Protein backbone atom coordinates (compact mmCIF):
# COMPACT_ATOMS: atom_id res chain seq x y z
CA MET A 1 36.15 -22.60 -24.05
CA ALA A 2 39.37 -20.68 -23.31
CA SER A 3 38.94 -18.75 -26.54
CA SER A 4 35.38 -17.65 -25.67
CA VAL A 5 36.46 -16.52 -22.19
CA LYS A 6 39.32 -14.53 -23.72
CA GLN A 7 36.96 -12.89 -26.21
CA ALA A 8 34.56 -11.94 -23.40
CA ALA A 9 37.42 -10.41 -21.46
CA VAL A 10 38.53 -8.38 -24.47
CA ARG A 11 34.94 -7.22 -24.99
CA LYS A 12 34.67 -5.99 -21.38
CA ARG A 13 37.78 -3.80 -21.77
CA LYS A 14 36.20 -1.63 -24.48
CA ASP A 15 36.49 2.14 -24.21
CA LEU A 16 33.35 4.15 -23.61
CA THR A 17 32.43 7.54 -25.01
CA LEU A 18 31.43 10.34 -22.67
CA ASP A 19 27.76 9.81 -23.52
CA GLU A 20 28.07 6.09 -22.76
CA LYS A 21 29.66 6.87 -19.39
CA ILE A 22 26.82 9.26 -18.64
CA ALA A 23 24.42 6.44 -19.53
CA VAL A 24 26.13 4.24 -16.90
CA ILE A 25 25.64 7.00 -14.32
CA ARG A 26 21.98 7.39 -15.27
CA ALA A 27 21.40 3.66 -14.82
CA SER A 28 23.30 3.37 -11.53
CA ALA A 29 20.48 4.10 -9.07
CA GLY A 30 19.48 0.89 -7.33
CA LYS A 31 21.88 -1.34 -9.30
CA SER A 32 25.06 -3.05 -8.23
CA GLN A 33 28.34 -2.63 -10.05
CA ARG A 34 28.05 -6.22 -11.24
CA GLN A 35 24.64 -5.53 -12.78
CA LEU A 36 25.94 -2.38 -14.50
CA ALA A 37 28.96 -4.27 -15.82
CA GLU A 38 26.74 -6.95 -17.34
CA GLU A 39 24.31 -4.41 -18.79
CA PHE A 40 26.99 -2.31 -20.51
CA LYS A 41 29.37 -5.24 -21.18
CA ILE A 42 32.30 -3.66 -19.37
CA SER A 43 34.36 -4.62 -16.33
CA LYS A 44 33.41 -3.85 -12.75
CA THR A 45 36.61 -1.80 -12.44
CA GLN A 46 35.42 0.49 -15.25
CA VAL A 47 32.05 0.86 -13.58
CA CYS A 48 33.71 1.75 -10.28
CA ASN A 49 35.93 4.37 -11.94
CA ILE A 50 32.97 5.92 -13.76
CA LEU A 51 30.88 6.22 -10.61
CA GLN A 52 33.80 7.68 -8.65
CA ARG A 53 34.22 10.35 -11.34
CA ARG A 54 30.49 11.04 -11.50
CA ASP A 55 30.65 14.80 -10.81
CA ASP A 56 33.60 15.34 -13.15
CA LEU A 57 31.92 13.48 -15.99
CA LEU A 58 28.66 15.37 -15.55
CA GLU A 59 30.56 18.64 -15.61
CA MET A 60 32.36 17.56 -18.78
CA GLN A 61 29.00 16.75 -20.38
CA SER A 62 27.62 20.15 -19.37
CA GLN A 63 30.60 21.93 -20.99
CA ALA A 64 30.42 19.80 -24.13
CA ASN A 65 26.64 20.16 -24.45
CA PRO A 66 25.49 23.49 -22.99
CA ALA A 67 21.87 22.71 -23.93
CA LYS A 68 22.01 19.62 -21.71
CA LYS A 69 23.44 21.41 -18.72
CA ARG A 70 21.82 20.32 -15.51
CA PRO A 71 19.30 22.87 -14.17
CA SER A 72 20.52 25.17 -11.45
CA TYR A 73 18.68 25.63 -8.16
CA ALA A 74 18.60 28.17 -5.37
CA SER A 75 21.66 27.91 -3.15
CA LYS A 76 19.56 28.24 0.03
CA TYR A 77 18.05 24.82 -0.72
CA SER A 78 21.23 23.05 -1.85
CA ASP A 79 21.55 21.28 1.50
CA ILE A 80 18.02 19.87 1.19
CA ASP A 81 18.87 18.68 -2.32
CA GLU A 82 22.08 17.03 -1.18
CA ILE A 83 20.66 15.21 1.83
CA THR A 84 17.62 14.04 -0.16
CA TRP A 85 19.87 12.74 -2.91
CA ARG A 86 22.00 10.81 -0.41
CA TRP A 87 18.87 9.36 1.19
CA PHE A 88 17.56 8.35 -2.24
CA SER A 89 20.89 6.76 -3.24
CA ARG A 90 21.10 4.73 -0.06
CA ASP A 91 17.58 3.35 -0.30
CA ARG A 92 17.91 2.49 -3.99
CA ALA A 93 21.24 0.81 -3.30
CA SER A 94 19.34 -1.36 -0.81
CA ASN A 95 16.75 -2.12 -3.54
CA ILE A 96 14.02 -0.28 -1.62
CA PRO A 97 11.44 1.06 -4.12
CA VAL A 98 11.23 4.86 -3.94
CA SER A 99 8.38 6.79 -5.58
CA GLY A 100 8.08 10.47 -6.41
CA PRO A 101 5.70 11.18 -3.48
CA MET A 102 8.16 9.51 -1.10
CA ILE A 103 10.96 11.79 -2.34
CA GLN A 104 8.77 14.86 -1.82
CA GLU A 105 7.70 13.81 1.66
CA LYS A 106 11.26 13.04 2.72
CA ALA A 107 12.51 16.39 1.37
CA LYS A 108 9.84 18.18 3.44
CA GLU A 109 10.92 16.30 6.55
CA PHE A 110 14.53 17.30 5.97
CA ALA A 111 13.46 20.93 5.36
CA THR A 112 11.70 20.94 8.73
CA GLN A 113 14.79 19.58 10.45
CA LEU A 114 16.95 22.19 8.71
CA ASN A 115 14.54 24.96 9.77
CA LYS A 116 13.57 26.02 6.25
CA PRO A 117 9.79 26.41 6.42
CA ASP A 118 9.63 28.23 3.07
CA PHE A 119 10.74 25.15 1.17
CA LYS A 120 7.98 23.61 -0.95
CA ALA A 121 8.42 20.07 -2.28
CA SER A 122 6.22 20.80 -5.27
CA SER A 123 5.84 18.70 -8.40
CA GLY A 124 8.10 21.19 -10.15
CA TRP A 125 10.78 20.78 -7.50
CA LEU A 126 10.53 16.99 -7.84
CA GLN A 127 11.03 17.17 -11.61
CA ARG A 128 14.03 19.48 -11.20
CA PHE A 129 15.49 17.16 -8.56
CA LYS A 130 15.18 14.21 -10.95
CA ASP A 131 16.74 16.26 -13.76
CA ARG A 132 19.63 17.39 -11.58
CA HIS A 133 20.50 13.84 -10.58
CA LEU A 134 19.62 12.16 -13.87
CA ILE A 135 16.99 9.96 -12.23
CA ARG A 136 14.95 7.97 -14.71
CA GLU A 137 11.33 7.09 -13.98
CA ALA A 138 12.22 3.39 -14.14
CA SER A 139 14.72 3.78 -11.33
CA ILE A 140 12.10 4.97 -8.85
CA SER A 141 8.99 3.12 -9.93
CA GLY A 142 9.83 -0.34 -8.62
CA GLU A 143 7.83 -1.84 -11.47
CA ARG A 144 8.21 -4.94 -13.55
CA GLY A 145 10.71 -3.42 -16.00
CA SER A 146 13.47 -3.22 -13.38
CA VAL A 147 13.12 -6.81 -12.20
CA ASP A 148 16.29 -8.91 -12.20
CA LEU A 149 15.13 -12.00 -14.11
CA LEU A 150 18.13 -13.99 -12.89
CA ASP A 151 17.03 -13.43 -9.28
CA VAL A 152 13.52 -14.51 -10.25
CA ASP A 153 14.74 -17.74 -11.85
CA VAL A 154 16.92 -18.58 -8.86
CA TRP A 155 14.07 -17.89 -6.44
CA VAL A 156 11.53 -20.00 -8.33
CA SER A 157 13.99 -22.88 -8.54
CA THR A 158 14.48 -22.84 -4.74
CA LEU A 159 10.78 -22.55 -3.86
CA PRO A 160 10.04 -26.31 -3.91
CA ASP A 161 12.63 -26.87 -1.19
CA LEU A 162 11.20 -24.01 0.90
CA LEU A 163 7.64 -25.30 0.56
CA HIS A 164 8.55 -28.91 1.28
CA ASN A 165 6.56 -30.41 4.16
CA TYR A 166 4.27 -27.36 4.45
CA PRO A 167 0.60 -27.96 3.58
CA VAL A 168 -1.10 -25.44 1.31
CA GLN A 169 -3.08 -23.82 4.12
CA ASN A 170 0.15 -23.02 5.99
CA ILE A 171 1.79 -20.98 3.19
CA PHE A 172 1.05 -17.25 3.58
CA ASN A 173 1.84 -13.96 1.85
CA MET A 174 1.50 -10.56 3.55
CA ASP A 175 1.76 -7.08 2.01
CA GLU A 176 0.54 -3.48 2.41
CA THR A 177 -1.14 -1.10 0.00
CA GLY A 178 -2.26 2.52 0.15
CA LEU A 179 -5.97 3.28 -0.19
CA LEU A 180 -7.66 6.58 -1.01
CA PHE A 181 -10.86 5.51 0.69
CA ARG A 182 -13.06 8.34 -0.65
CA ALA A 183 -11.72 8.52 -4.21
CA LEU A 184 -14.16 8.86 -7.09
CA PRO A 185 -13.37 7.99 -10.73
CA ASP A 186 -12.42 11.59 -11.45
CA LYS A 187 -8.88 12.35 -12.58
CA THR A 188 -8.81 15.45 -10.41
CA LEU A 189 -8.86 13.15 -7.37
CA ALA A 190 -6.05 10.93 -8.64
CA VAL A 191 -3.56 12.55 -6.29
CA ARG A 192 -0.08 11.14 -6.78
CA GLY A 193 1.92 13.87 -5.07
CA SER A 194 3.06 14.72 -1.56
CA ASP A 195 -0.51 15.58 -0.52
CA CYS A 196 -1.21 11.85 -0.22
CA ALA A 197 1.86 11.24 1.89
CA GLY A 198 1.58 14.00 4.44
CA GLY A 199 -0.52 16.93 3.26
CA LYS A 200 -4.21 17.75 3.09
CA LYS A 201 -5.13 14.67 1.04
CA SER A 202 -3.42 12.38 3.56
CA LYS A 203 -6.67 12.58 5.56
CA GLU A 204 -8.28 10.60 2.74
CA ARG A 205 -5.79 7.73 2.72
CA LEU A 206 -5.32 4.56 4.71
CA THR A 207 -2.73 1.80 4.67
CA VAL A 208 -4.25 -1.67 4.34
CA SER A 209 -2.24 -4.78 5.16
CA LEU A 210 -3.50 -8.07 3.78
CA CYS A 211 -2.39 -11.59 4.66
CA VAL A 212 -3.69 -14.66 2.83
CA ASN A 213 -2.71 -18.30 2.49
CA ALA A 214 -2.36 -20.30 -0.71
CA LEU A 215 -5.86 -21.74 -0.27
CA GLY A 216 -7.34 -18.25 -0.46
CA GLU A 217 -8.11 -17.86 3.26
CA PHE A 218 -7.54 -14.29 4.50
CA GLU A 219 -6.50 -13.15 7.93
CA THR A 220 -8.36 -10.16 9.41
CA PRO A 221 -7.20 -7.08 7.45
CA LEU A 222 -4.93 -4.65 9.31
CA VAL A 223 -5.93 -1.03 8.60
CA ILE A 224 -3.74 1.92 9.60
CA GLY A 225 -5.20 5.40 9.84
CA ARG A 226 -4.21 8.79 11.21
CA ALA A 227 -6.37 8.84 14.36
CA ALA A 228 -6.22 6.34 17.20
CA THR A 229 -9.95 6.75 17.92
CA PRO A 230 -11.75 8.49 15.02
CA ARG A 231 -14.98 10.17 16.08
CA CYS A 232 -16.97 7.96 13.74
CA PHE A 233 -16.10 4.94 15.92
CA ARG A 234 -18.32 6.49 18.65
CA GLY A 235 -16.80 4.48 21.50
CA MET A 236 -16.75 1.14 19.67
CA GLY A 237 -14.25 -1.21 21.23
CA PRO A 238 -11.49 -2.57 18.96
CA HIS A 239 -13.02 -6.05 19.19
CA LEU A 240 -16.21 -4.75 17.52
CA LEU A 241 -14.44 -3.50 14.40
CA PRO A 242 -14.35 -5.76 11.34
CA VAL A 243 -10.61 -5.06 10.96
CA THR A 244 -7.57 -4.64 13.17
CA TRP A 245 -7.16 -0.85 13.56
CA LYS A 246 -3.86 0.92 14.22
CA ALA A 247 -2.88 4.56 13.85
CA ASN A 248 -0.01 7.00 13.47
CA ARG A 249 0.34 10.53 12.12
CA LYS A 250 0.90 9.47 8.51
CA ALA A 251 -1.15 6.27 8.40
CA TRP A 252 1.98 4.28 7.53
CA MET A 253 3.12 0.79 8.38
CA THR A 254 5.85 1.05 11.01
CA GLY A 255 8.29 -1.44 12.46
CA ASP A 256 6.41 -1.47 15.78
CA ILE A 257 3.03 -2.10 14.15
CA PHE A 258 4.47 -4.87 12.01
CA ARG A 259 6.13 -6.59 14.96
CA GLU A 260 2.92 -6.41 17.01
CA TRP A 261 0.90 -7.90 14.16
CA LEU A 262 3.51 -10.59 13.56
CA ARG A 263 3.58 -11.70 17.18
CA LYS A 264 -0.21 -11.91 17.35
CA PHE A 265 -0.21 -13.88 14.11
CA ASN A 266 2.37 -16.25 15.62
CA ALA A 267 0.29 -16.62 18.79
CA LYS A 268 -2.77 -17.52 16.68
CA MET A 269 -0.81 -20.15 14.73
CA LYS A 270 0.58 -21.53 17.98
CA GLY A 271 -2.92 -21.81 19.41
CA GLN A 272 -3.95 -23.77 16.31
CA ASN A 273 -0.81 -25.94 16.54
CA ARG A 274 0.30 -24.85 13.05
CA LYS A 275 3.79 -24.26 11.70
CA VAL A 276 3.53 -21.79 8.81
CA LEU A 277 5.63 -20.04 6.18
CA LEU A 278 5.17 -16.29 5.72
CA PHE A 279 6.47 -14.69 2.52
CA ILE A 280 6.95 -10.91 2.64
CA ASP A 281 8.86 -8.25 0.71
CA ASN A 282 11.98 -6.53 2.01
CA ALA A 283 10.32 -3.27 3.06
CA SER A 284 12.22 -1.43 5.77
CA SER A 285 9.32 -1.83 8.23
CA HIS A 286 9.41 -5.63 7.84
CA SER A 287 11.94 -6.65 10.45
CA LYS A 288 13.24 -10.19 10.72
CA GLU A 289 11.86 -12.01 13.75
CA THR A 290 12.55 -15.46 15.16
CA LEU A 291 9.20 -16.97 16.07
CA SER A 292 8.00 -20.31 17.36
CA ASN A 293 5.34 -21.06 14.73
CA VAL A 294 5.98 -18.60 11.88
CA LYS A 295 8.99 -18.95 9.61
CA MET A 296 9.61 -15.76 7.60
CA HIS A 297 11.02 -15.67 4.09
CA PHE A 298 11.84 -12.42 2.28
CA LEU A 299 11.25 -12.18 -1.45
CA PRO A 300 14.28 -11.10 -3.51
CA PRO A 301 14.64 -7.30 -3.71
CA ASN A 302 12.74 -5.57 -6.49
CA THR A 303 10.88 -8.69 -7.65
CA THR A 304 7.49 -8.35 -5.94
CA SER A 305 5.77 -7.35 -9.20
CA VAL A 306 6.40 -10.86 -10.59
CA LEU A 307 6.75 -13.01 -7.47
CA GLN A 308 4.43 -11.72 -4.74
CA PRO A 309 0.94 -13.28 -5.02
CA LEU A 310 -0.81 -10.28 -3.46
CA ASP A 311 0.78 -8.00 -6.08
CA LEU A 312 -0.23 -10.30 -8.93
CA GLY A 313 -3.94 -9.50 -8.78
CA VAL A 314 -5.22 -10.03 -5.25
CA ILE A 315 -4.76 -6.44 -4.03
CA ARG A 316 -6.19 -5.06 -7.27
CA ASN A 317 -9.18 -7.38 -6.91
CA VAL A 318 -9.81 -6.15 -3.37
CA LYS A 319 -9.60 -2.52 -4.46
CA CYS A 320 -12.03 -3.04 -7.32
CA HIS A 321 -14.60 -4.54 -4.95
CA TYR A 322 -13.97 -1.75 -2.43
CA ARG A 323 -14.48 0.95 -5.05
CA ASN A 324 -17.67 -0.71 -6.16
CA PHE A 325 -18.94 -0.25 -2.59
CA VAL A 326 -17.95 3.44 -2.78
CA LEU A 327 -19.79 3.96 -6.06
CA ARG A 328 -22.89 2.08 -4.90
CA ASN A 329 -22.96 4.25 -1.77
CA VAL A 330 -22.76 7.41 -3.85
CA LEU A 331 -25.37 6.20 -6.35
CA SER A 332 -27.80 5.27 -3.57
CA LYS A 333 -27.73 8.87 -2.26
CA ILE A 334 -27.42 10.79 -5.50
CA GLU A 335 -31.19 11.26 -5.73
CA SER A 336 -31.10 13.40 -2.59
CA GLY A 337 -29.84 16.25 -4.75
CA GLN A 338 -26.28 16.22 -3.41
CA GLY A 339 -23.34 16.01 -5.78
CA ALA A 340 -21.17 12.91 -6.02
CA GLU A 341 -18.16 14.65 -4.45
CA THR A 342 -20.25 15.92 -1.52
CA ILE A 343 -21.56 12.42 -0.86
CA ALA A 344 -18.06 10.94 -1.15
CA LYS A 345 -16.76 13.38 1.46
CA SER A 346 -19.26 11.95 3.94
CA ILE A 347 -17.60 8.52 3.74
CA ASN A 348 -15.71 7.92 6.98
CA VAL A 349 -13.10 5.42 8.09
CA LEU A 350 -15.73 3.22 9.77
CA ASP A 351 -17.45 2.85 6.39
CA ALA A 352 -14.05 2.11 4.88
CA CYS A 353 -13.26 -0.56 7.47
CA TYR A 354 -16.51 -2.44 6.78
CA TRP A 355 -16.10 -2.14 3.01
CA ILE A 356 -12.50 -3.36 3.19
CA LYS A 357 -13.63 -6.42 5.12
CA GLU A 358 -16.49 -7.08 2.69
CA ALA A 359 -14.22 -6.51 -0.34
CA VAL A 360 -11.78 -9.12 1.01
CA LYS A 361 -14.65 -11.59 1.46
CA LYS A 362 -15.66 -11.12 -2.18
CA VAL A 363 -12.25 -12.18 -3.54
CA LYS A 364 -12.59 -15.71 -4.85
CA ALA A 365 -10.34 -18.34 -3.31
CA ASP A 366 -9.58 -19.57 -6.82
CA THR A 367 -8.33 -16.10 -7.75
CA VAL A 368 -5.85 -16.19 -4.86
CA ARG A 369 -4.67 -19.68 -5.79
CA LYS A 370 -4.05 -18.58 -9.37
CA CYS A 371 -2.00 -15.61 -8.14
CA PHE A 372 0.13 -17.92 -6.00
CA ARG A 373 0.74 -20.14 -9.02
CA LYS A 374 1.53 -17.12 -11.17
CA GLY A 375 4.21 -16.20 -8.62
CA GLY A 376 5.87 -19.60 -8.99
CA PHE A 377 4.19 -21.35 -6.06
CA GLU A 378 3.48 -24.77 -7.60
CA ILE A 379 2.18 -26.14 -4.34
CA ALA A 380 0.00 -29.10 -5.23
CA GLU A 381 -0.53 -31.63 -7.96
CA GLY A 382 -3.35 -30.74 -10.30
CA GLU A 383 -2.92 -27.01 -9.53
CA ARG A 384 -1.04 -26.14 -12.70
CA ASN A 385 -3.91 -25.37 -15.03
CA ASP A 386 -4.35 -22.05 -16.84
CA ILE A 387 -2.29 -19.52 -14.92
CA ALA A 388 -3.49 -16.91 -17.41
CA ASP A 389 -7.00 -17.30 -16.00
CA CYS A 390 -5.91 -14.88 -13.28
CA ASP A 391 -6.34 -12.16 -15.91
CA ASP A 392 -9.87 -13.44 -16.57
CA ASP A 393 -10.70 -12.82 -12.90
CA ASP A 394 -9.48 -9.24 -13.30
CA GLU A 395 -11.79 -8.83 -16.27
CA ASP A 396 -14.77 -10.10 -14.25
CA VAL A 397 -14.24 -7.68 -11.39
CA ASP A 398 -13.48 -4.85 -13.84
CA ALA A 399 -16.82 -5.49 -15.53
CA LEU A 400 -18.56 -5.26 -12.15
CA LEU A 401 -16.91 -1.92 -11.46
CA ALA A 402 -17.57 -0.67 -14.99
CA SER A 403 -21.32 -1.21 -14.54
CA SER A 404 -21.29 1.13 -11.54
CA LEU A 405 -19.11 3.64 -13.36
CA GLU A 406 -21.63 3.90 -16.17
CA CYS A 407 -24.30 5.05 -13.72
CA LEU A 408 -22.16 7.83 -12.23
CA ASP A 409 -21.74 11.15 -14.02
CA VAL A 410 -18.46 12.79 -13.04
CA SER A 411 -16.30 15.35 -14.77
CA ASP A 412 -13.15 14.15 -16.53
CA PRO A 413 -13.72 10.45 -15.70
CA CYS A 414 -10.88 7.94 -15.76
CA SER A 415 -10.98 4.35 -16.98
CA VAL A 416 -11.65 1.32 -14.78
CA ALA A 417 -7.94 0.46 -14.81
CA GLU A 418 -6.96 4.01 -13.80
CA TYR A 419 -9.59 4.05 -11.05
CA ALA A 420 -8.44 0.69 -9.69
CA GLU A 421 -4.83 1.87 -9.53
CA ILE A 422 -5.46 5.49 -8.55
CA ASP A 423 -3.48 5.07 -5.30
CA SER A 424 -0.83 2.60 -6.46
CA GLU A 425 2.06 5.01 -5.78
CA ILE A 426 1.07 6.04 -2.27
CA PRO A 427 3.86 5.26 0.25
CA THR A 428 2.78 2.75 2.89
CA GLU A 429 5.65 2.60 5.35
CA GLU A 430 8.05 4.58 7.41
CA LEU A 431 11.67 4.29 6.37
CA ALA A 432 14.60 3.54 8.64
CA LYS A 433 15.59 6.76 10.37
CA GLY A 434 18.65 6.04 12.44
CA TRP A 435 21.14 6.75 9.67
CA GLU A 436 19.18 9.86 8.59
CA ASP A 437 20.13 11.54 11.85
CA GLU A 438 23.76 11.06 10.88
CA LEU A 439 23.09 12.77 7.56
CA LEU A 440 21.26 15.64 9.24
CA SER A 441 24.06 16.16 11.74
CA GLU A 442 26.29 17.19 8.84
CA PHE A 443 23.92 20.05 7.97
CA VAL A 444 22.52 21.26 11.28
CA GLU A 445 23.67 21.25 14.90
CA GLY A 446 21.51 20.08 17.75
CA ASN A 447 19.31 17.88 15.60
CA SER A 448 16.48 16.37 17.63
CA GLN A 449 15.32 12.90 16.75
CA GLY A 450 12.07 13.55 18.53
CA ASP A 451 10.79 15.62 15.62
CA LEU A 452 11.05 12.58 13.40
CA ILE A 453 8.91 10.36 15.58
CA GLU A 454 5.38 9.88 14.32
CA ASP A 455 2.89 10.48 17.11
CA ASN A 456 -0.79 9.68 16.99
CA ASP A 457 -3.25 12.15 15.52
CA SER A 458 -6.09 13.16 17.81
CA GLY A 459 -8.73 12.66 15.13
CA ASP A 460 -9.91 14.84 12.26
CA GLU A 461 -13.17 13.23 11.18
CA ASP A 462 -16.58 14.82 11.51
CA GLU A 463 -18.68 13.12 14.15
CA ILE A 464 -21.55 11.03 12.82
CA VAL A 465 -24.99 12.44 13.66
CA CYS A 466 -27.35 9.55 14.43
CA ARG A 467 -30.96 10.31 13.51
CA VAL A 468 -32.29 7.23 15.36
CA LYS A 469 -32.82 8.18 19.00
CA ASN A 470 -33.90 4.89 20.62
CA PHE A 471 -34.52 1.16 20.07
CA SER A 472 -38.25 1.64 19.53
CA GLN A 473 -37.58 4.03 16.66
CA ALA A 474 -35.01 1.62 15.21
CA LEU A 475 -37.52 -1.25 15.33
CA THR A 476 -40.09 0.87 13.50
CA ILE A 477 -37.56 1.54 10.76
CA ILE A 478 -36.77 -2.19 10.51
CA ASP A 479 -40.49 -2.95 10.12
CA ASP A 480 -40.72 -0.39 7.29
CA LEU A 481 -37.65 -1.92 5.61
CA THR A 482 -39.16 -5.40 5.91
CA THR A 483 -42.37 -4.25 4.22
CA PHE A 484 -40.38 -2.55 1.46
CA ALA A 485 -38.24 -5.68 0.91
CA ALA A 486 -41.37 -7.82 0.69
CA GLU A 487 -42.84 -5.55 -1.99
CA LYS A 488 -39.60 -5.87 -3.97
CA ASN A 489 -39.43 -9.68 -3.49
CA LEU A 490 -36.05 -9.48 -1.72
CA GLU A 491 -36.35 -12.72 0.26
CA GLN A 492 -32.74 -12.81 1.45
CA VAL A 493 -32.99 -9.25 2.76
CA ILE A 494 -36.19 -10.09 4.67
CA SER A 495 -34.40 -12.96 6.43
CA HIS A 496 -31.54 -10.68 7.51
CA LEU A 497 -33.97 -8.00 8.67
CA TYR A 498 -35.81 -10.45 10.91
CA GLN A 499 -32.48 -11.51 12.43
CA THR A 500 -31.59 -7.85 12.97
CA LYS A 501 -34.99 -7.18 14.51
CA ASP A 502 -34.45 -10.01 16.99
CA ILE A 503 -31.08 -8.55 18.02
CA PHE A 504 -32.59 -5.09 18.55
CA GLN A 505 -35.52 -6.50 20.54
CA ASN A 506 -33.17 -8.36 22.87
CA ALA A 507 -31.08 -5.21 23.30
CA LEU A 508 -34.21 -3.19 24.10
CA LEU A 509 -35.30 -5.76 26.70
CA LYS A 510 -31.86 -5.74 28.36
CA GLU A 511 -31.87 -1.95 28.46
CA ARG A 512 -35.27 -1.84 30.16
CA LEU A 513 -34.39 -4.61 32.60
CA SER A 514 -31.17 -2.91 33.62
CA GLY A 515 -32.97 0.38 34.21
CA HIS A 516 -35.99 -0.96 36.09
CA GLN A 517 -34.86 -3.99 38.09
CA SER A 518 -37.00 -3.00 41.06
CA THR A 519 -40.19 -2.65 39.00
CA LEU A 520 -39.97 -5.71 36.79
CA ASP A 521 -43.59 -6.70 37.47
CA ASP A 522 -44.70 -3.24 36.42
CA TYR A 523 -42.77 -3.64 33.19
CA PHE A 524 -44.61 -6.85 32.27
CA LYS A 525 -47.97 -5.31 33.23
CA LYS A 526 -47.29 -2.62 30.66
């Protein structure tokens, strides 16, 4: 034993070449010194020395290999580069996943604060930024390849103790995802840049927060848009919407929105006399709260791709069903002579809210249970069979989406998988800003925090034009639909239409009674 320890110690004191030291620097984003020491089989002291000499070593590499010299950039934007790099380093050190669009959006925010309106956080700038700082794609993707398997093993081994005494229906997972709610299966609409975060295309994105228990029972989806009261809502009260609607300028999850949702969720559980566990990731908007009936547990950093049930197929399943609604809507109107993109542009956030709700309802409870098991949640006896069947559920919903894709003729179409994940890199949350003000204060005087606050958008949707002018006209349309459904032998549709007709008739009667209380006898004579 002593001999093996001594050999390991000798191995960790090995000398590194300049290229190997540069490799350590390249791999440093988002990793601790201990992780780097284990990866490169050196001591933590060596890692510390290499990182402290980062600039010197990079300069030495540039002189030794002129062809590999880091790209230069305009001096007037060097401050934006520096502050963005320091922001990136801090978030990755905290194991917060950072995507390319998030870097671009943050750079634009800093440019605004530094009063440099000419700065453009283009895709070219992003690539040069990554080249300058030796950022690998793996270090900003937050995907499965960067998962610490040791953390995963430790977490899974502790889960039984966490789940002890909690029934299956009281074990929940909550997470957010970005949604391009008008996107068609055309690669030209697969926007993965800053447009989705804060530019023109941001008007076509929502943030959707899902919460589900290990039985497959969903809470009401939380949907975050850019307008507090979009015109398409036409005065609908929040209680009439099929989702919980919130808004801010960038349609992001914020700390305030999360805390409000969490407290309402706790109040609901308290009203049902339930003590529940809520598993969430360590996003900066997910603040730790002490609650009476909800006990929060944070998943280990950078492990959601293998541990979080919602990330293991549930969110993808919801999006596939949602996009099937989008395609069916387009296909149903394509005969009018309009193009697919024109029809898609008419989709509004009210449509999206209803389709999100319906998409959630279409996710099978068994699919959710399999995703919980795949994440290590062995929560009941007899629930251990065929974890791989979760992939079979993906194939089923993919086949459903593929059948709609075949009917739609678009230019440069993408695959079902690409369409399902077209918005997978969209940022969904605001990041902590207090420490950013400290960074900004080093570059500009009189920095105002107010500019960083996200205020509500006043609404940017076209108002819906209703072609039905009164209840009598609506009832005539329902009668026509009933006749059409009967000719097509759609029995279930006929039943729903009769229920709808009854609701409209009652509404018509109430309207007439409220407007003619003094002449009620005259009304019945008519």
